[in-house]
Amino acid sequence: MARIKVGDKVRAHLDAAYKGRVTSITSEKHIEYTSAGPMDKIVYCIVELEDGRIVKTKVTDLYVDYD
């Protein structure tokens, strides 16, 4: 699996219509806590879709599109 970087063309695993370019990558803390303390950070990609919309999606839900 390729590591996603800013500028990559990406697609979603479960949505064939989701196709766009990564404009930035951010990470956020979980709101939930476990008995062991706070959970790990979640990494998100900010993606500009081909139809012009800007969306925030978990990086684990995306893959690099080589088309």
C-alpha atoms as a PDB file:
ATOM      1  CA  MET A   1       0.000   0.000   0.000  1.00  0.00           C
ATOM      2  CA  ALA A   2       1.403   3.381  -1.000  1.00  0.00           C
ATOM      3  CA  ARG A   3       1.639   6.162   1.545  1.00  0.00           C
ATOM      4  CA  ILE A   4      -0.727   9.026   0.710  1.00  0.00           C
ATOM      5  CA  LYS A   5       0.926  12.438   0.274  1.00  0.00           C
ATOM      6  CA  VAL A   6      -0.295  15.949  -0.492  1.00  0.00           C
ATOM      7  CA  GLY A   7      -0.966  16.232  -4.225  1.00  0.00           C
ATOM      8  CA  ASP A   8      -1.799  12.532  -4.735  1.00  0.00           C
ATOM      9  CA  LYS A   9      -4.885  11.486  -6.656  1.00  0.00           C
ATOM     10  CA  VAL A  10      -7.005   9.314  -4.345  1.00  0.00           C
ATOM     11  CA  ARG A  11     -10.147   7.174  -4.402  1.00  0.00           C
ATOM     12  CA  ALA A  12     -12.309   5.798  -1.605  1.00  0.00           C
ATOM     13  CA  HIS A  13     -12.419   2.054  -0.956  1.00  0.00           C
ATOM     14  CA  LEU A  14     -16.218   1.903  -0.692  1.00  0.00           C
ATOM     15  CA  ASP A  15     -17.387   4.727  -3.002  1.00  0.00           C
ATOM     16  CA  ALA A  16     -16.598   4.503  -6.714  1.00  0.00           C
ATOM     17  CA  ALA A  17     -17.735   8.105  -7.303  1.00  0.00           C
ATOM     18  CA  TYR A  18     -15.226   9.485  -4.764  1.00  0.00           C
ATOM     19  CA  LYS A  19     -12.187  10.652  -6.729  1.00  0.00           C
ATOM     20  CA  GLY A  20     -10.009  13.689  -6.093  1.00  0.00           C
ATOM     21  CA  ARG A  21      -6.685  15.233  -5.096  1.00  0.00           C
ATOM     22  CA  VAL A  22      -5.288  15.562  -1.554  1.00  0.00           C
ATOM     23  CA  THR A  23      -4.826  19.222  -0.594  1.00  0.00           C
ATOM     24  CA  SER A  24      -3.661  18.683   3.010  1.00  0.00           C
ATOM     25  CA  ILE A  25      -3.257  16.060   5.725  1.00  0.00           C
ATOM     26  CA  THR A  26      -4.242  16.701   9.356  1.00  0.00           C
ATOM     27  CA  SER A  27      -4.440  14.711  12.571  1.00  0.00           C
ATOM     28  CA  GLU A  28      -6.908  15.103  15.423  1.00  0.00           C
ATOM     29  CA  LYS A  29      -7.197  13.676  18.909  1.00  0.00           C
ATOM     30  CA  HIS A  30      -9.999  11.259  19.783  1.00  0.00           C
ATOM     31  CA  ILE A  31     -12.708  12.635  22.037  1.00  0.00           C
ATOM     32  CA  GLU A  32     -13.102   9.256  23.715  1.00  0.00           C
ATOM     33  CA  TYR A  33     -10.816   7.945  26.426  1.00  0.00           C
ATOM     34  CA  THR A  34     -10.169   4.341  27.387  1.00  0.00           C
ATOM     35  CA  SER A  35      -9.116   2.899  30.714  1.00  0.00           C
ATOM     36  CA  ALA A  36      -5.531   3.165  29.440  1.00  0.00           C
ATOM     37  CA  GLY A  37      -5.906   6.899  28.695  1.00  0.00           C
ATOM     38  CA  PRO A  38      -6.487   8.844  25.484  1.00  0.00           C
ATOM     39  CA  MET A  39      -6.614   6.955  22.208  1.00  0.00           C
ATOM     40  CA  ASP A  40      -4.250   7.545  19.279  1.00  0.00           C
ATOM     41  CA  LYS A  41      -4.720  10.449  16.895  1.00  0.00           C
ATOM     42  CA  ILE A  42      -6.855  10.049  13.763  1.00  0.00           C
ATOM     43  CA  VAL A  43      -5.251  11.141  10.473  1.00  0.00           C
ATOM     44  CA  TYR A  44      -7.502  12.849   7.906  1.00  0.00           C
ATOM     45  CA  CYS A  45      -6.998  13.913   4.297  1.00  0.00           C
ATOM     46  CA  ILE A  46      -8.606  17.090   3.013  1.00  0.00           C
ATOM     47  CA  VAL A  47      -9.571  16.175  -0.556  1.00  0.00           C
ATOM     48  CA  GLU A  48     -10.802  18.321  -3.427  1.00  0.00           C
ATOM     49  CA  LEU A  49     -13.150  16.084  -5.402  1.00  0.00           C
ATOM     50  CA  GLU A  50     -13.468  16.264  -9.183  1.00  0.00           C
ATOM     51  CA  ASP A  51     -16.846  18.009  -8.822  1.00  0.00           C
ATOM     52  CA  GLY A  52     -15.216  20.828  -6.802  1.00  0.00           C
ATOM     53  CA  ARG A  53     -16.367  19.835  -3.302  1.00  0.00           C
ATOM     54  CA  ILE A  54     -13.844  19.839  -0.443  1.00  0.00           C
ATOM     55  CA  VAL A  55     -14.238  16.912   1.986  1.00  0.00           C
ATOM     56  CA  LYS A  56     -12.420  15.539   5.049  1.00  0.00           C
ATOM     57  CA  THR A  57     -11.912  11.756   5.016  1.00  0.00           C
ATOM     58  CA  LYS A  58      -9.959   9.326   7.195  1.00  0.00           C
ATOM     59  CA  VAL A  59      -6.707   8.360   5.489  1.00  0.00           C
ATOM     60  CA  THR A  60      -7.502   4.675   6.123  1.00  0.00           C
ATOM     61  CA  ASP A  61     -10.589   4.975   3.873  1.00  0.00           C
ATOM     62  CA  LEU A  62      -8.534   6.098   0.854  1.00  0.00           C
ATOM     63  CA  TYR A  63      -6.027   4.656  -1.585  1.00  0.00           C
ATOM     64  CA  VAL A  64      -3.742   6.197  -4.208  1.00  0.00           C
ATOM     65  CA  ASP A  65      -5.233   6.184  -7.710  1.00  0.00           C
ATOM     66  CA  TYR A  66      -2.628   5.650 -10.442  1.00  0.00           C
ATOM     67  CA  ASP A  67      -4.949   6.337 -13.417  1.00  0.00           C
END
